Amino acid sequence: MQILAYLIPISLFLGGVGLVAFIYTVRSDQYSDPDGDAQRILSGQYDDKPKT
């Protein structure tokens, strides 16, 4: 039972790190165009100069 005193704070910390990473990716527009990405993967055309 004493191990729970270590595991609960560690799991809360790791969950917080995951939440912060998710919020960072949302704010940096990493999920801005999922449909366009899906269409580019399925198309046979390749872009030598992708948009930045």
N, C-alpha and C. Protein backbone atom coordinates (compact mmCIF):
# COMPACT_ATOMS: atom_id res chain seq x y z
N MET A 1 0.81 -1.20 0.00
CA MET A 1 0.00 0.00 0.00
C MET A 1 0.85 1.26 0.00
N GLN A 2 2.06 1.19 0.51
CA GLN A 2 2.91 2.38 0.54
C GLN A 2 3.39 2.76 -0.85
N ILE A 3 3.41 1.79 -1.77
CA ILE A 3 3.85 2.09 -3.13
C ILE A 3 2.87 3.04 -3.81
N LEU A 4 1.59 3.03 -3.38
CA LEU A 4 0.62 3.94 -3.96
C LEU A 4 0.97 5.40 -3.68
N ALA A 5 1.66 5.65 -2.59
CA ALA A 5 2.09 7.01 -2.27
C ALA A 5 3.09 7.51 -3.32
N TYR A 6 3.76 6.63 -4.00
CA TYR A 6 4.69 7.01 -5.07
C TYR A 6 4.02 6.97 -6.44
N LEU A 7 3.21 5.95 -6.67
CA LEU A 7 2.63 5.75 -8.00
C LEU A 7 1.57 6.79 -8.36
N ILE A 8 0.77 7.21 -7.41
CA ILE A 8 -0.28 8.18 -7.71
C ILE A 8 0.30 9.53 -8.12
N PRO A 9 1.24 10.11 -7.38
CA PRO A 9 1.82 11.38 -7.85
C PRO A 9 2.57 11.25 -9.17
N ILE A 10 3.25 10.13 -9.38
CA ILE A 10 3.97 9.93 -10.63
C ILE A 10 2.98 9.86 -11.79
N SER A 11 1.88 9.14 -11.62
CA SER A 11 0.90 9.04 -12.70
C SER A 11 0.22 10.38 -12.96
N LEU A 12 -0.06 11.15 -11.91
CA LEU A 12 -0.63 12.48 -12.11
C LEU A 12 0.34 13.40 -12.84
N PHE A 13 1.61 13.30 -12.51
CA PHE A 13 2.63 14.12 -13.19
C PHE A 13 2.74 13.74 -14.66
N LEU A 14 2.77 12.44 -14.97
CA LEU A 14 2.87 12.02 -16.37
C LEU A 14 1.61 12.38 -17.15
N GLY A 15 0.46 12.29 -16.52
CA GLY A 15 -0.77 12.72 -17.17
C GLY A 15 -0.75 14.21 -17.46
N GLY A 16 -0.22 14.99 -16.53
CA GLY A 16 -0.09 16.44 -16.74
C GLY A 16 0.86 16.77 -17.86
N VAL A 17 1.96 16.02 -17.95
CA VAL A 17 2.91 16.22 -19.05
C VAL A 17 2.25 15.92 -20.39
N GLY A 18 1.47 14.85 -20.44
CA GLY A 18 0.75 14.52 -21.67
C GLY A 18 -0.27 15.58 -22.03
N LEU A 19 -0.96 16.12 -21.05
CA LEU A 19 -1.94 17.17 -21.30
C LEU A 19 -1.27 18.43 -21.81
N VAL A 20 -0.16 18.81 -21.22
CA VAL A 20 0.57 19.99 -21.68
C VAL A 20 1.09 19.79 -23.10
N ALA A 21 1.58 18.60 -23.41
CA ALA A 21 2.05 18.32 -24.77
C ALA A 21 0.89 18.40 -25.76
N PHE A 22 -0.28 17.88 -25.40
CA PHE A 22 -1.44 17.95 -26.28
C PHE A 22 -1.87 19.39 -26.50
N ILE A 23 -1.92 20.18 -25.45
CA ILE A 23 -2.31 21.59 -25.57
C ILE A 23 -1.31 22.34 -26.45
N TYR A 24 -0.03 22.03 -26.30
CA TYR A 24 0.98 22.68 -27.13
C TYR A 24 0.77 22.36 -28.61
N THR A 25 0.49 21.11 -28.93
CA THR A 25 0.30 20.74 -30.33
C THR A 25 -0.97 21.37 -30.91
N VAL A 26 -2.01 21.52 -30.09
CA VAL A 26 -3.24 22.15 -30.57
C VAL A 26 -2.99 23.63 -30.84
N ARG A 27 -2.28 24.30 -29.95
CA ARG A 27 -2.03 25.74 -30.11
C ARG A 27 -1.05 26.03 -31.24
N SER A 28 -0.20 25.08 -31.59
CA SER A 28 0.75 25.32 -32.68
C SER A 28 0.21 24.85 -34.02
N ASP A 29 -1.12 24.63 -34.09
CA ASP A 29 -1.83 24.28 -35.33
C ASP A 29 -1.30 23.03 -36.01
N GLN A 30 -0.97 22.01 -35.26
CA GLN A 30 -0.51 20.77 -35.86
C GLN A 30 -1.67 19.94 -36.40
N TYR A 31 -2.89 20.28 -36.00
CA TYR A 31 -4.07 19.54 -36.46
C TYR A 31 -4.95 20.42 -37.35
N SER A 32 -4.35 21.39 -38.03
CA SER A 32 -5.13 22.38 -38.75
C SER A 32 -5.78 21.85 -40.02
N ASP A 33 -5.20 20.86 -40.70
CA ASP A 33 -5.73 20.40 -41.98
C ASP A 33 -5.64 18.88 -42.10
N PRO A 34 -6.40 18.14 -41.30
CA PRO A 34 -6.29 16.67 -41.38
C PRO A 34 -6.84 16.11 -42.68
N ASP A 35 -7.86 16.75 -43.27
CA ASP A 35 -8.42 16.24 -44.52
C ASP A 35 -7.43 16.42 -45.67
N GLY A 36 -6.74 17.55 -45.69
CA GLY A 36 -5.75 17.78 -46.73
C GLY A 36 -4.59 16.80 -46.64
N ASP A 37 -4.17 16.49 -45.43
CA ASP A 37 -3.09 15.51 -45.25
C ASP A 37 -3.52 14.14 -45.75
N ALA A 38 -4.75 13.77 -45.46
CA ALA A 38 -5.24 12.46 -45.90
C ALA A 38 -5.31 12.40 -47.42
N GLN A 39 -5.71 13.46 -48.06
CA GLN A 39 -5.79 13.47 -49.51
C GLN A 39 -4.40 13.43 -50.15
N ARG A 40 -3.42 14.10 -49.54
CA ARG A 40 -2.06 14.09 -50.09
C ARG A 40 -1.43 12.71 -49.97
N ILE A 41 -1.74 11.99 -48.92
CA ILE A 41 -1.19 10.65 -48.76
C ILE A 41 -1.75 9.71 -49.84
N LEU A 42 -3.04 9.85 -50.13
CA LEU A 42 -3.68 8.95 -51.08
C LEU A 42 -3.42 9.30 -52.53
N SER A 43 -3.02 10.54 -52.80
CA SER A 43 -2.79 10.92 -54.19
C SER A 43 -1.42 10.43 -54.64
N GLY A 44 -1.27 10.28 -55.94
CA GLY A 44 0.00 9.81 -56.49
C GLY A 44 0.95 10.94 -56.84
N GLN A 45 0.55 12.17 -56.58
CA GLN A 45 1.40 13.33 -56.90
C GLN A 45 2.31 13.64 -55.73
N TYR A 46 3.53 14.04 -56.06
CA TYR A 46 4.50 14.39 -55.03
C TYR A 46 4.86 15.86 -55.16
N ASP A 47 5.00 16.50 -54.05
CA ASP A 47 5.32 17.94 -54.02
C ASP A 47 6.79 18.10 -53.65
N ASP A 48 7.59 18.57 -54.61
CA ASP A 48 9.01 18.75 -54.33
C ASP A 48 9.27 19.96 -53.46
N LYS A 49 8.35 20.92 -53.47
CA LYS A 49 8.51 22.13 -52.67
C LYS A 49 7.28 22.32 -51.80
N PRO A 50 7.21 21.63 -50.65
CA PRO A 50 6.02 21.75 -49.80
C PRO A 50 5.93 23.12 -49.16
N LYS A 51 4.71 23.49 -48.78
CA LYS A 51 4.49 24.77 -48.10
C LYS A 51 5.11 24.71 -46.72
N THR A 52 5.61 25.85 -46.26
CA THR A 52 6.19 25.92 -44.91
C THR A 52 5.17 26.41 -43.93
